[in-house]
């Protein structure tokens, strides 16, 4: 589950677009969202200027223009990828049901990120 939370004033349409960038962050790490993987993304905005005031009969949201949303898309991709990499490197060796899965050897993997292709 990928959760993207922003205080940017976005409507449902742009939040859906932002959520799609979470999947791009997943793919940047090598994830493919395979069948049955359970990979889902939700994006929400906490923009205080868009909270609904029950005392007012009218709701007039303030929203970012589409042209201003691209930096948020980039941030969502980068933050998702970074969170996934961090979780991989923070993992510890685990044993369960007679199977042991070793933690990633961080010292051997980090140089691969800087390797020229």
PDB file of N, CA and C in Angstrom:
ATOM      1  N   UNK A   1       0.836  -1.171   0.000  1.00  0.00           N
ATOM      2  CA  UNK A   1       0.000   0.000   0.000  1.00  0.00           C
ATOM      3  C   UNK A   1       0.880   1.232   0.000  1.00  0.00           C
ATOM      4  N   UNK A   2       0.652   2.110  -0.935  1.00  0.00           N
ATOM      5  CA  UNK A   2       1.385   3.363  -1.030  1.00  0.00           C
ATOM      6  C   UNK A   2       0.411   4.480  -0.702  1.00  0.00           C
ATOM      7  N   UNK A   3       0.775   5.313   0.260  1.00  0.00           N
ATOM      8  CA  UNK A   3      -0.075   6.434   0.672  1.00  0.00           C
ATOM      9  C   UNK A   3       0.683   7.719   0.389  1.00  0.00           C
ATOM     10  N   UNK A   4       0.075   8.587  -0.397  1.00  0.00           N
ATOM     11  CA  UNK A   4       0.672   9.884  -0.723  1.00  0.00           C
ATOM     12  C   UNK A   4      -0.209  10.954  -0.099  1.00  0.00           C
ATOM     13  N   UNK A   5       0.371  11.744   0.791  1.00  0.00           N
ATOM     14  CA  UNK A   5      -0.363  12.799   1.479  1.00  0.00           C
ATOM     15  C   UNK A   5       0.314  14.122   1.169  1.00  0.00           C
ATOM     16  N   UNK A   6      -0.473  15.103   0.785  1.00  0.00           N
ATOM     17  CA  UNK A   6       0.052  16.426   0.478  1.00  0.00           C
ATOM     18  C   UNK A   6      -0.839  17.491   1.091  1.00  0.00           C
ATOM     19  N   UNK A   7      -0.261  18.648   1.354  1.00  0.00           N
ATOM     20  CA  UNK A   7      -1.083  19.773   1.793  1.00  0.00           C
ATOM     21  C   UNK A   7      -1.358  20.711   0.625  1.00  0.00           C
ATOM     22  N   UNK A   8      -0.968  20.282  -0.573  1.00  0.00           N
ATOM     23  CA  UNK A   8      -1.272  21.070  -1.771  1.00  0.00           C
ATOM     24  C   UNK A   8      -2.769  20.981  -2.050  1.00  0.00           C
ATOM     25  N   UNK A   9      -3.377  22.077  -2.471  1.00  0.00           N
ATOM     26  CA  UNK A   9      -4.818  22.061  -2.748  1.00  0.00           C
ATOM     27  C   UNK A   9      -5.128  21.399  -4.093  1.00  0.00           C
ATOM     28  N   UNK A  10      -5.433  20.107  -4.048  1.00  0.00           N
ATOM     29  CA  UNK A  10      -5.735  19.331  -5.250  1.00  0.00           C
ATOM     30  C   UNK A  10      -7.150  18.788  -5.186  1.00  0.00           C
ATOM     31  N   UNK A  11      -7.771  18.691  -6.348  1.00  0.00           N
ATOM     32  CA  UNK A  11      -9.101  18.083  -6.414  1.00  0.00           C
ATOM     33  C   UNK A  11      -8.957  16.586  -6.663  1.00  0.00           C
ATOM     34  N   UNK A  12     -10.077  15.896  -6.726  1.00  0.00           N
ATOM     35  CA  UNK A  12     -10.068  14.443  -6.886  1.00  0.00           C
ATOM     36  C   UNK A  12      -9.349  14.017  -8.161  1.00  0.00           C
ATOM     37  N   UNK A  13      -9.532  14.771  -9.235  1.00  0.00           N
ATOM     38  CA  UNK A  13      -8.890  14.426 -10.507  1.00  0.00           C
ATOM     39  C   UNK A  13      -7.374  14.473 -10.386  1.00  0.00           C
ATOM     40  N   UNK A  14      -6.843  15.536  -9.814  1.00  0.00           N
ATOM     41  CA  UNK A  14      -5.392  15.642  -9.694  1.00  0.00           C
ATOM     42  C   UNK A  14      -4.832  14.723  -8.612  1.00  0.00           C
ATOM     43  N   UNK A  15      -5.636  14.391  -7.612  1.00  0.00           N
ATOM     44  CA  UNK A  15      -5.190  13.404  -6.631  1.00  0.00           C
ATOM     45  C   UNK A  15      -5.075  12.028  -7.280  1.00  0.00           C
ATOM     46  N   UNK A  16      -5.990  11.717  -8.177  1.00  0.00           N
ATOM     47  CA  UNK A  16      -5.900  10.445  -8.907  1.00  0.00           C
ATOM     48  C   UNK A  16      -4.646  10.427  -9.774  1.00  0.00           C
ATOM     49  N   UNK A  17      -4.359  11.530 -10.424  1.00  0.00           N
ATOM     50  CA  UNK A  17      -3.148  11.639 -11.242  1.00  0.00           C
ATOM     51  C   UNK A  17      -1.902  11.508 -10.367  1.00  0.00           C
ATOM     52  N   UNK A  18      -1.934  12.094  -9.180  1.00  0.00           N
ATOM     53  CA  UNK A  18      -0.819  12.005  -8.248  1.00  0.00           C
ATOM     54  C   UNK A  18      -0.613  10.562  -7.792  1.00  0.00           C
ATOM     55  N   UNK A  19      -1.708   9.862  -7.527  1.00  0.00           N
ATOM     56  CA  UNK A  19      -1.633   8.464  -7.106  1.00  0.00           C
ATOM     57  C   UNK A  19      -0.973   7.607  -8.182  1.00  0.00           C
ATOM     58  N   UNK A  20      -1.242   7.899  -9.439  1.00  0.00           N
ATOM     59  CA  UNK A  20      -0.619   7.127 -10.525  1.00  0.00           C
ATOM     60  C   UNK A  20       0.895   7.271 -10.498  1.00  0.00           C
ATOM     61  N   UNK A  21       1.378   8.402 -10.006  1.00  0.00           N
ATOM     62  CA  UNK A  21       2.829   8.595  -9.926  1.00  0.00           C
ATOM     63  C   UNK A  21       3.440   7.723  -8.834  1.00  0.00           C
ATOM     64  N   UNK A  22       2.647   7.331  -7.864  1.00  0.00           N
ATOM     65  CA  UNK A  22       3.126   6.387  -6.861  1.00  0.00           C
ATOM     66  C   UNK A  22       3.498   5.067  -7.505  1.00  0.00           C
ATOM     67  N   UNK A  23       2.730   4.631  -8.483  1.00  0.00           N
ATOM     68  CA  UNK A  23       3.054   3.392  -9.198  1.00  0.00           C
ATOM     69  C   UNK A  23       4.322   3.562 -10.026  1.00  0.00           C
ATOM     70  N   UNK A  24       4.551   4.784 -10.512  1.00  0.00           N
ATOM     71  CA  UNK A  24       5.795   5.034 -11.243  1.00  0.00           C
ATOM     72  C   UNK A  24       6.992   4.920 -10.297  1.00  0.00           C
ATOM     73  N   UNK A  25       6.814   5.366  -9.069  1.00  0.00           N
ATOM     74  CA  UNK A  25       7.872   5.211  -8.075  1.00  0.00           C
ATOM     75  C   UNK A  25       8.143   3.748  -7.781  1.00  0.00           C
ATOM     76  N   UNK A  26       7.087   2.955  -7.720  1.00  0.00           N
ATOM     77  CA  UNK A  26       7.234   1.511  -7.530  1.00  0.00           C
ATOM     78  C   UNK A  26       8.029   0.910  -8.676  1.00  0.00           C
ATOM     79  N   UNK A  27       7.691   1.285  -9.892  1.00  0.00           N
ATOM     80  CA  UNK A  27       8.387   0.716 -11.050  1.00  0.00           C
ATOM     81  C   UNK A  27       9.849   1.157 -11.085  1.00  0.00           C
ATOM     82  N   UNK A  28      10.143   2.338 -10.572  1.00  0.00           N
ATOM     83  CA  UNK A  28      11.538   2.810 -10.542  1.00  0.00           C
ATOM     84  C   UNK A  28      12.415   1.885  -9.700  1.00  0.00           C
ATOM     85  N   UNK A  29      11.816   1.211  -8.738  1.00  0.00           N
ATOM     86  CA  UNK A  29      12.578   0.298  -7.879  1.00  0.00           C
ATOM     87  C   UNK A  29      12.607  -1.123  -8.431  1.00  0.00           C
ATOM     88  N   UNK A  30      11.947  -1.349  -9.544  1.00  0.00           N
ATOM     89  CA  UNK A  30      11.923  -2.682 -10.148  1.00  0.00           C
ATOM     90  C   UNK A  30      10.625  -3.419  -9.915  1.00  0.00           C
ATOM     91  N   UNK A  31       9.710  -2.830  -9.139  1.00  0.00           N
ATOM     92  CA  UNK A  31       8.414  -3.467  -8.916  1.00  0.00           C
ATOM     93  C   UNK A  31       7.561  -3.411 -10.164  1.00  0.00           C
ATOM     94  N   UNK A  32       6.761  -4.455 -10.404  1.00  0.00           N
ATOM     95  CA  UNK A  32       5.938  -4.499 -11.616  1.00  0.00           C
ATOM     96  C   UNK A  32       4.440  -4.570 -11.320  1.00  0.00           C
ATOM     97  N   UNK A  33       4.067  -4.515 -10.032  1.00  0.00           N
ATOM     98  CA  UNK A  33       2.654  -4.617  -9.663  1.00  0.00           C
ATOM     99  C   UNK A  33       2.038  -5.865 -10.298  1.00  0.00           C
ATOM    100  N   UNK A  34       2.698  -7.002 -10.097  1.00  0.00           N
ATOM    101  CA  UNK A  34       2.253  -8.249 -10.706  1.00  0.00           C
ATOM    102  C   UNK A  34       0.874  -8.667 -10.195  1.00  0.00           C
ATOM    103  N   UNK A  35       0.266  -9.584 -10.901  1.00  0.00           N
ATOM    104  CA  UNK A  35      -1.046 -10.094 -10.519  1.00  0.00           C
ATOM    105  C   UNK A  35      -0.991 -10.624  -9.085  1.00  0.00           C
ATOM    106  N   UNK A  36      -1.914 -10.166  -8.273  1.00  0.00           N
ATOM    107  CA  UNK A  36      -1.988 -10.619  -6.896  1.00  0.00           C
ATOM    108  C   UNK A  36      -1.019  -9.925  -5.950  1.00  0.00           C
ATOM    109  N   UNK A  37      -0.299  -8.924  -6.450  1.00  0.00           N
ATOM    110  CA  UNK A  37       0.709  -8.265  -5.615  1.00  0.00           C
ATOM    111  C   UNK A  37       0.076  -7.406  -4.521  1.00  0.00           C
ATOM    112  N   UNK A  38      -1.131  -6.936  -4.751  1.00  0.00           N
ATOM    113  CA  UNK A  38      -1.783  -6.095  -3.752  1.00  0.00           C
ATOM    114  C   UNK A  38      -1.233  -4.679  -3.709  1.00  0.00           C
ATOM    115  N   UNK A  39      -0.599  -4.240  -4.784  1.00  0.00           N
ATOM    116  CA  UNK A  39      -0.061  -2.885  -4.831  1.00  0.00           C
ATOM    117  C   UNK A  39      -1.175  -1.896  -5.151  1.00  0.00           C
ATOM    118  N   UNK A  40      -1.438  -1.022  -4.180  1.00  0.00           N
ATOM    119  CA  UNK A  40      -2.462   0.001  -4.341  1.00  0.00           C
ATOM    120  C   UNK A  40      -1.893   1.337  -3.904  1.00  0.00           C
ATOM    121  N   UNK A  41      -2.431   2.410  -4.463  1.00  0.00           N
ATOM    122  CA  UNK A  41      -2.000   3.753  -4.082  1.00  0.00           C
ATOM    123  C   UNK A  41      -3.224   4.593  -3.775  1.00  0.00           C
ATOM    124  N   UNK A  42      -3.127   5.374  -2.702  1.00  0.00           N
ATOM    125  CA  UNK A  42      -4.156   6.349  -2.378  1.00  0.00           C
ATOM    126  C   UNK A  42      -3.449   7.684  -2.171  1.00  0.00           C
ATOM    127  N   UNK A  43      -4.045   8.747  -2.683  1.00  0.00           N
ATOM    128  CA  UNK A  43      -3.488  10.086  -2.506  1.00  0.00           C
ATOM    129  C   UNK A  43      -4.566  10.970  -1.889  1.00  0.00           C
ATOM    130  N   UNK A  44      -4.180  11.738  -0.876  1.00  0.00           N
ATOM    131  CA  UNK A  44      -5.125  12.632  -0.207  1.00  0.00           C
ATOM    132  C   UNK A  44      -4.489  14.004  -0.013  1.00  0.00           C
ATOM    133  N   UNK A  45      -5.332  14.995   0.044  1.00  0.00           N
ATOM    134  CA  UNK A  45      -4.887  16.357   0.306  1.00  0.00           C
ATOM    135  C   UNK A  45      -5.454  16.815   1.641  1.00  0.00           C
ATOM    136  N   UNK A  46      -4.605  17.463   2.420  1.00  0.00           N
ATOM    137  CA  UNK A  46      -5.035  18.010   3.711  1.00  0.00           C
ATOM    138  C   UNK A  46      -5.109  19.534   3.661  1.00  0.00           C
ATOM    139  N   UNK A  47      -5.208  20.092   2.461  1.00  0.00           N
ATOM    140  CA  UNK A  47      -5.212  21.552   2.300  1.00  0.00           C
ATOM    141  C   UNK A  47      -6.324  22.180   3.137  1.00  0.00           C
ATOM    142  N   UNK A  48      -5.922  22.989   4.096  1.00  0.00           N
ATOM    143  CA  UNK A  48      -6.903  23.584   5.018  1.00  0.00           C
ATOM    144  C   UNK A  48      -7.886  24.499   4.303  1.00  0.00           C
ATOM    145  N   UNK A  49      -7.458  25.124   3.208  1.00  0.00           N
ATOM    146  CA  UNK A  49      -8.364  26.027   2.488  1.00  0.00           C
ATOM    147  C   UNK A  49      -9.485  25.290   1.774  1.00  0.00           C
ATOM    148  N   UNK A  50      -9.407  23.962   1.734  1.00  0.00           N
ATOM    149  CA  UNK A  50     -10.456  23.194   1.074  1.00  0.00           C
ATOM    150  C   UNK A  50     -11.299  22.359   2.025  1.00  0.00           C
ATOM    151  N   UNK A  51     -11.134  22.591   3.304  1.00  0.00           N
ATOM    152  CA  UNK A  51     -12.009  21.910   4.258  1.00  0.00           C
ATOM    153  C   UNK A  51     -13.422  22.457   4.114  1.00  0.00           C
ATOM    154  N   UNK A  52     -14.384  21.594   4.204  1.00  0.00           N
ATOM    155  CA  UNK A  52     -15.776  22.012   4.035  1.00  0.00           C
ATOM    156  C   UNK A  52     -16.301  22.569   5.346  1.00  0.00           C
ATOM    157  N   UNK A  53     -16.840  23.756   5.256  1.00  0.00           N
ATOM    158  CA  UNK A  53     -17.412  24.441   6.418  1.00  0.00           C
ATOM    159  C   UNK A  53     -18.927  24.261   6.367  1.00  0.00           C
ATOM    160  N   UNK A  54     -19.469  23.494   7.306  1.00  0.00           N
ATOM    161  CA  UNK A  54     -20.906  23.220   7.315  1.00  0.00           C
ATOM    162  C   UNK A  54     -21.742  24.470   7.555  1.00  0.00           C
ATOM    163  N   UNK A  55     -21.128  25.531   8.051  1.00  0.00           N
ATOM    164  CA  UNK A  55     -21.874  26.765   8.310  1.00  0.00           C
ATOM    165  C   UNK A  55     -22.094  27.578   7.051  1.00  0.00           C
ATOM    166  N   UNK A  56     -21.403  27.213   5.982  1.00  0.00           N
ATOM    167  CA  UNK A  56     -21.503  27.945   4.728  1.00  0.00           C
ATOM    168  C   UNK A  56     -22.255  27.088   3.717  1.00  0.00           C
ATOM    169  N   UNK A  57     -23.238  27.661   3.056  1.00  0.00           N
ATOM    170  CA  UNK A  57     -24.037  26.927   2.086  1.00  0.00           C
ATOM    171  C   UNK A  57     -23.279  26.695   0.777  1.00  0.00           C
ATOM    172  N   UNK A  58     -22.194  27.426   0.558  1.00  0.00           N
ATOM    173  CA  UNK A  58     -21.434  27.309  -0.680  1.00  0.00           C
ATOM    174  C   UNK A  58     -20.039  26.760  -0.397  1.00  0.00           C
ATOM    175  N   UNK A  59     -19.578  25.961  -1.327  1.00  0.00           N
ATOM    176  CA  UNK A  59     -18.233  25.403  -1.224  1.00  0.00           C
ATOM    177  C   UNK A  59     -17.448  25.896  -2.430  1.00  0.00           C
ATOM    178  N   UNK A  60     -16.446  26.697  -2.188  1.00  0.00           N
ATOM    179  CA  UNK A  60     -15.632  27.247  -3.258  1.00  0.00           C
ATOM    180  C   UNK A  60     -14.175  26.848  -3.013  1.00  0.00           C
ATOM    181  N   UNK A  61     -13.767  25.732  -3.590  1.00  0.00           N
ATOM    182  CA  UNK A  61     -12.395  25.265  -3.346  1.00  0.00           C
ATOM    183  C   UNK A  61     -11.351  26.128  -4.048  1.00  0.00           C
ATOM    184  N   UNK A  62     -10.148  26.159  -3.482  1.00  0.00           N
ATOM    185  CA  UNK A  62      -8.988  26.774  -4.121  1.00  0.00           C
ATOM    186  C   UNK A  62      -8.116  25.618  -4.580  1.00  0.00           C
ATOM    187  N   UNK A  63      -7.813  25.582  -5.871  1.00  0.00           N
ATOM    188  CA  UNK A  63      -7.059  24.456  -6.420  1.00  0.00           C
ATOM    189  C   UNK A  63      -5.861  24.937  -7.215  1.00  0.00           C
ATOM    190  N   UNK A  64      -4.815  24.122  -7.216  1.00  0.00           N
ATOM    191  CA  UNK A  64      -3.676  24.415  -8.069  1.00  0.00           C
ATOM    192  C   UNK A  64      -4.071  24.221  -9.525  1.00  0.00           C
ATOM    193  N   UNK A  65      -3.534  25.060 -10.392  1.00  0.00           N
ATOM    194  CA  UNK A  65      -3.725  24.860 -11.830  1.00  0.00           C
ATOM    195  C   UNK A  65      -2.930  23.632 -12.256  1.00  0.00           C
ATOM    196  N   UNK A  66      -3.381  22.986 -13.311  1.00  0.00           N
ATOM    197  CA  UNK A  66      -2.695  21.795 -13.809  1.00  0.00           C
ATOM    198  C   UNK A  66      -1.209  22.046 -14.052  1.00  0.00           C
ATOM    199  N   UNK A  67      -0.872  23.224 -14.561  1.00  0.00           N
ATOM    200  CA  UNK A  67       0.520  23.541 -14.879  1.00  0.00           C
ATOM    201  C   UNK A  67       1.411  23.537 -13.634  1.00  0.00           C
ATOM    202  N   UNK A  68       0.820  23.704 -12.468  1.00  0.00           N
ATOM    203  CA  UNK A  68       1.600  23.769 -11.222  1.00  0.00           C
ATOM    204  C   UNK A  68       1.745  22.416 -10.536  1.00  0.00           C
ATOM    205  N   UNK A  69       1.165  21.367 -11.101  1.00  0.00           N
ATOM    206  CA  UNK A  69       1.137  20.068 -10.436  1.00  0.00           C
ATOM    207  C   UNK A  69       2.336  19.188 -10.774  1.00  0.00           C
ATOM    208  N   UNK A  70       3.018  19.466 -11.873  1.00  0.00           N
ATOM    209  CA  UNK A  70       4.144  18.614 -12.293  1.00  0.00           C
ATOM    210  C   UNK A  70       5.203  18.421 -11.211  1.00  0.00           C
ATOM    211  N   UNK A  71       5.601  19.459 -10.476  1.00  0.00           N
ATOM    212  CA  UNK A  71       6.586  19.218  -9.409  1.00  0.00           C
ATOM    213  C   UNK A  71       6.078  18.242  -8.338  1.00  0.00           C
ATOM    214  N   UNK A  72       4.780  18.250  -8.088  1.00  0.00           N
ATOM    215  CA  UNK A  72       4.213  17.293  -7.133  1.00  0.00           C
ATOM    216  C   UNK A  72       4.298  15.877  -7.685  1.00  0.00           C
ATOM    217  N   UNK A  73       4.087  15.723  -8.984  1.00  0.00           N
ATOM    218  CA  UNK A  73       4.201  14.409  -9.606  1.00  0.00           C
ATOM    219  C   UNK A  73       5.620  13.876  -9.428  1.00  0.00           C
ATOM    220  N   UNK A  74       6.603  14.721  -9.716  1.00  0.00           N
ATOM    221  CA  UNK A  74       8.002  14.305  -9.569  1.00  0.00           C
ATOM    222  C   UNK A  74       8.311  13.933  -8.119  1.00  0.00           C
ATOM    223  N   UNK A  75       7.806  14.731  -7.189  1.00  0.00           N
ATOM    224  CA  UNK A  75       8.051  14.463  -5.766  1.00  0.00           C
ATOM    225  C   UNK A  75       7.416  13.140  -5.345  1.00  0.00           C
ATOM    226  N   UNK A  76       6.222  12.846  -5.841  1.00  0.00           N
ATOM    227  CA  UNK A  76       5.552  11.589  -5.485  1.00  0.00           C
ATOM    228  C   UNK A  76       6.338  10.385  -5.998  1.00  0.00           C
ATOM    229  N   UNK A  77       6.852  10.489  -7.217  1.00  0.00           N
ATOM    230  CA  UNK A  77       7.644   9.397  -7.785  1.00  0.00           C
ATOM    231  C   UNK A  77       8.901   9.177  -6.951  1.00  0.00           C
ATOM    232  N   UNK A  78       9.624  10.265  -6.687  1.00  0.00           N
ATOM    233  CA  UNK A  78      10.882  10.162  -5.955  1.00  0.00           C
ATOM    234  C   UNK A  78      10.670   9.698  -4.514  1.00  0.00           C
ATOM    235  N   UNK A  79       9.654  10.222  -3.849  1.00  0.00           N
ATOM    236  CA  UNK A  79       9.404   9.847  -2.452  1.00  0.00           C
ATOM    237  C   UNK A  79       8.986   8.381  -2.337  1.00  0.00           C
ATOM    238  N   UNK A  80       8.183   7.914  -3.285  1.00  0.00           N
ATOM    239  CA  UNK A  80       7.754   6.511  -3.261  1.00  0.00           C
ATOM    240  C   UNK A  80       8.950   5.590  -3.463  1.00  0.00           C
ATOM    241  N   UNK A  81       9.766   5.881  -4.465  1.00  0.00           N
ATOM    242  CA  UNK A  81      10.949   5.052  -4.715  1.00  0.00           C
ATOM    243  C   UNK A  81      11.874   5.065  -3.504  1.00  0.00           C
ATOM    244  N   UNK A  82      12.107   6.233  -2.935  1.00  0.00           N
ATOM    245  CA  UNK A  82      12.995   6.348  -1.773  1.00  0.00           C
ATOM    246  C   UNK A  82      12.462   5.548  -0.587  1.00  0.00           C
ATOM    247  N   UNK A  83      11.154   5.615  -0.358  1.00  0.00           N
ATOM    248  CA  UNK A  83      10.559   4.867   0.753  1.00  0.00           C
ATOM    249  C   UNK A  83      10.715   3.364   0.552  1.00  0.00           C
ATOM    250  N   UNK A  84      10.549   2.914  -0.678  1.00  0.00           N
ATOM    251  CA  UNK A  84      10.704   1.482  -0.958  1.00  0.00           C
ATOM    252  C   UNK A  84      12.149   1.045  -0.786  1.00  0.00           C
ATOM    253  N   UNK A  85      13.093   1.830  -1.307  1.00  0.00           N
ATOM    254  CA  UNK A  85      14.505   1.480  -1.127  1.00  0.00           C
ATOM    255  C   UNK A  85      14.868   1.479   0.351  1.00  0.00           C
ATOM    256  N   UNK A  86      14.384   2.470   1.081  1.00  0.00           N
ATOM    257  CA  UNK A  86      14.674   2.514   2.520  1.00  0.00           C
ATOM    258  C   UNK A  86      14.143   1.277   3.231  1.00  0.00           C
ATOM    259  N   UNK A  87      12.947   0.836   2.866  1.00  0.00           N
ATOM    260  CA  UNK A  87      12.384  -0.349   3.525  1.00  0.00           C
ATOM    261  C   UNK A  87      13.186  -1.602   3.190  1.00  0.00           C
ATOM    262  N   UNK A  88      13.696  -1.680   1.965  1.00  0.00           N
ATOM    263  CA  UNK A  88      14.523  -2.836   1.598  1.00  0.00           C
ATOM    264  C   UNK A  88      15.821  -2.858   2.392  1.00  0.00           C
ATOM    265  N   UNK A  89      16.459  -1.706   2.527  1.00  0.00           N
ATOM    266  CA  UNK A  89      17.742  -1.651   3.222  1.00  0.00           C
ATOM    267  C   UNK A  89      17.588  -1.739   4.734  1.00  0.00           C
ATOM    268  N   UNK A  90      16.413  -1.453   5.244  1.00  0.00           N
ATOM    269  CA  UNK A  90      16.188  -1.538   6.692  1.00  0.00           C
ATOM    270  C   UNK A  90      15.791  -2.949   7.121  1.00  0.00           C
ATOM    271  N   UNK A  91      15.476  -3.798   6.152  1.00  0.00           N
ATOM    272  CA  UNK A  91      15.026  -5.154   6.475  1.00  0.00           C
ATOM    273  C   UNK A  91      16.129  -5.949   7.154  1.00  0.00           C
ATOM    274  N   UNK A  92      15.726  -6.849   8.025  1.00  0.00           N
ATOM    275  CA  UNK A  92      16.663  -7.713   8.743  1.00  0.00           C
ATOM    276  C   UNK A  92      16.433  -9.156   8.314  1.00  0.00           C
ATOM    277  N   UNK A  93      17.424  -9.994   8.540  1.00  0.00           N
ATOM    278  CA  UNK A  93      17.290 -11.418   8.241  1.00  0.00           C
ATOM    279  C   UNK A  93      16.132 -11.982   9.059  1.00  0.00           C
ATOM    280  N   UNK A  94      15.284 -12.759   8.384  1.00  0.00           N
ATOM    281  CA  UNK A  94      14.104 -13.320   9.051  1.00  0.00           C
ATOM    282  C   UNK A  94      14.009 -14.817   8.784  1.00  0.00           C
ATOM    283  N   UNK A  95      13.472 -15.536   9.768  1.00  0.00           N
ATOM    284  CA  UNK A  95      13.219 -16.966   9.617  1.00  0.00           C
ATOM    285  C   UNK A  95      11.783 -17.245  10.024  1.00  0.00           C
ATOM    286  N   UNK A  96      11.105 -18.019   9.193  1.00  0.00           N
ATOM    287  CA  UNK A  96       9.725 -18.402   9.483  1.00  0.00           C
ATOM    288  C   UNK A  96       9.350 -19.621   8.675  1.00  0.00           C
ATOM    289  N   UNK A  97       8.618 -20.536   9.262  1.00  0.00           N
ATOM    290  CA  UNK A  97       8.197 -21.772   8.592  1.00  0.00           C
ATOM    291  C   UNK A  97       9.388 -22.530   8.013  1.00  0.00           C
ATOM    292  N   UNK A  98      10.513 -22.469   8.718  1.00  0.00           N
ATOM    293  CA  UNK A  98      11.694 -23.204   8.278  1.00  0.00           C
ATOM    294  C   UNK A  98      12.456 -22.556   7.135  1.00  0.00           C
ATOM    295  N   UNK A  99      12.074 -21.356   6.761  1.00  0.00           N
ATOM    296  CA  UNK A  99      12.741 -20.661   5.652  1.00  0.00           C
ATOM    297  C   UNK A  99      13.415 -19.409   6.202  1.00  0.00           C
ATOM    298  N   UNK A 100      14.666 -19.218   5.816  1.00  0.00           N
ATOM    299  CA  UNK A 100      15.398 -18.021   6.220  1.00  0.00           C
ATOM    300  C   UNK A 100      15.623 -17.145   5.002  1.00  0.00           C
ATOM    301  N   UNK A 101      15.284 -15.882   5.139  1.00  0.00           N
ATOM    302  CA  UNK A 101      15.527 -14.896   4.090  1.00  0.00           C
ATOM    303  C   UNK A 101      16.523 -13.899   4.651  1.00  0.00           C
ATOM    304  N   UNK A 102      17.661 -13.803   3.973  1.00  0.00           N
ATOM    305  CA  UNK A 102      18.740 -12.942   4.437  1.00  0.00           C
ATOM    306  C   UNK A 102      18.449 -11.474   4.137  1.00  0.00           C
ATOM    307  N   UNK A 103      18.904 -10.613   5.004  1.00  0.00           N
ATOM    308  CA  UNK A 103      18.819  -9.171   4.761  1.00  0.00           C
ATOM    309  C   UNK A 103      19.705  -8.824   3.572  1.00  0.00           C
ATOM    310  N   UNK A 104      19.365  -7.743   2.888  1.00  0.00           N
ATOM    311  CA  UNK A 104      20.189  -7.312   1.764  1.00  0.00           C
ATOM    312  C   UNK A 104      21.577  -6.916   2.255  1.00  0.00           C
ATOM    313  N   UNK A 105      22.612  -7.302   1.544  1.00  0.00           N
ATOM    314  CA  UNK A 105      23.964  -6.885   1.911  1.00  0.00           C
ATOM    315  C   UNK A 105      24.211  -5.454   1.413  1.00  0.00           C
ATOM    316  N   UNK A 106      23.873  -4.505   2.220  1.00  0.00           N
ATOM    317  CA  UNK A 106      23.894  -3.092   1.829  1.00  0.00           C
ATOM    318  C   UNK A 106      25.243  -2.694   1.240  1.00  0.00           C
ATOM    319  N   UNK A 107      26.318  -3.106   1.873  1.00  0.00           N
ATOM    320  CA  UNK A 107      27.656  -2.712   1.421  1.00  0.00           C
ATOM    321  C   UNK A 107      27.977  -3.239   0.024  1.00  0.00           C
ATOM    322  N   UNK A 108      27.317  -4.303  -0.404  1.00  0.00           N
ATOM    323  CA  UNK A 108      27.538  -4.852  -1.752  1.00  0.00           C
ATOM    324  C   UNK A 108      26.588  -4.253  -2.774  1.00  0.00           C
ATOM    325  N   UNK A 109      25.436  -3.788  -2.328  1.00  0.00           N
ATOM    326  CA  UNK A 109      24.426  -3.299  -3.262  1.00  0.00           C
ATOM    327  C   UNK A 109      24.589  -1.809  -3.582  1.00  0.00           C
ATOM    328  N   UNK A 110      24.926  -0.997  -2.598  1.00  0.00           N
ATOM    329  CA  UNK A 110      25.037   0.446  -2.832  1.00  0.00           C
ATOM    330  C   UNK A 110      25.951   0.798  -4.004  1.00  0.00           C
ATOM    331  N   UNK A 111      27.106   0.168  -4.169  1.00  0.00           N
ATOM    332  CA  UNK A 111      27.952   0.513  -5.319  1.00  0.00           C
ATOM    333  C   UNK A 111      27.268   0.256  -6.670  1.00  0.00           C
ATOM    334  N   UNK A 112      26.318  -0.659  -6.706  1.00  0.00           N
ATOM    335  CA  UNK A 112      25.613  -0.951  -7.959  1.00  0.00           C
ATOM    336  C   UNK A 112      24.749   0.230  -8.406  1.00  0.00           C
ATOM    337  N   UNK A 113      24.293   1.044  -7.472  1.00  0.00           N
ATOM    338  CA  UNK A 113      23.473   2.201  -7.819  1.00  0.00           C
ATOM    339  C   UNK A 113      24.293   3.243  -8.575  1.00  0.00           C
ATOM    340  N   UNK A 114      25.578   3.287  -8.335  1.00  0.00           N
ATOM    341  CA  UNK A 114      26.440   4.276  -8.988  1.00  0.00           C
ATOM    342  C   UNK A 114      27.200   3.710 -10.178  1.00  0.00           C
ATOM    343  N   UNK A 115      26.973   2.443 -10.461  1.00  0.00           N
ATOM    344  CA  UNK A 115      27.684   1.787 -11.548  1.00  0.00           C
ATOM    345  C   UNK A 115      27.204   2.329 -12.897  1.00  0.00           C
ATOM    346  N   UNK A 116      28.155   2.664 -13.776  1.00  0.00           N
ATOM    347  CA  UNK A 116      27.818   3.165 -15.109  1.00  0.00           C
ATOM    348  C   UNK A 116      27.487   1.990 -16.004  1.00  0.00           C
ATOM    349  N   UNK A 117      26.466   2.183 -16.811  1.00  0.00           N
ATOM    350  CA  UNK A 117      26.019   1.101 -17.700  1.00  0.00           C
ATOM    351  C   UNK A 117      26.689   1.186 -19.030  1.00  0.00           C
TER     352      UNK A 117
END
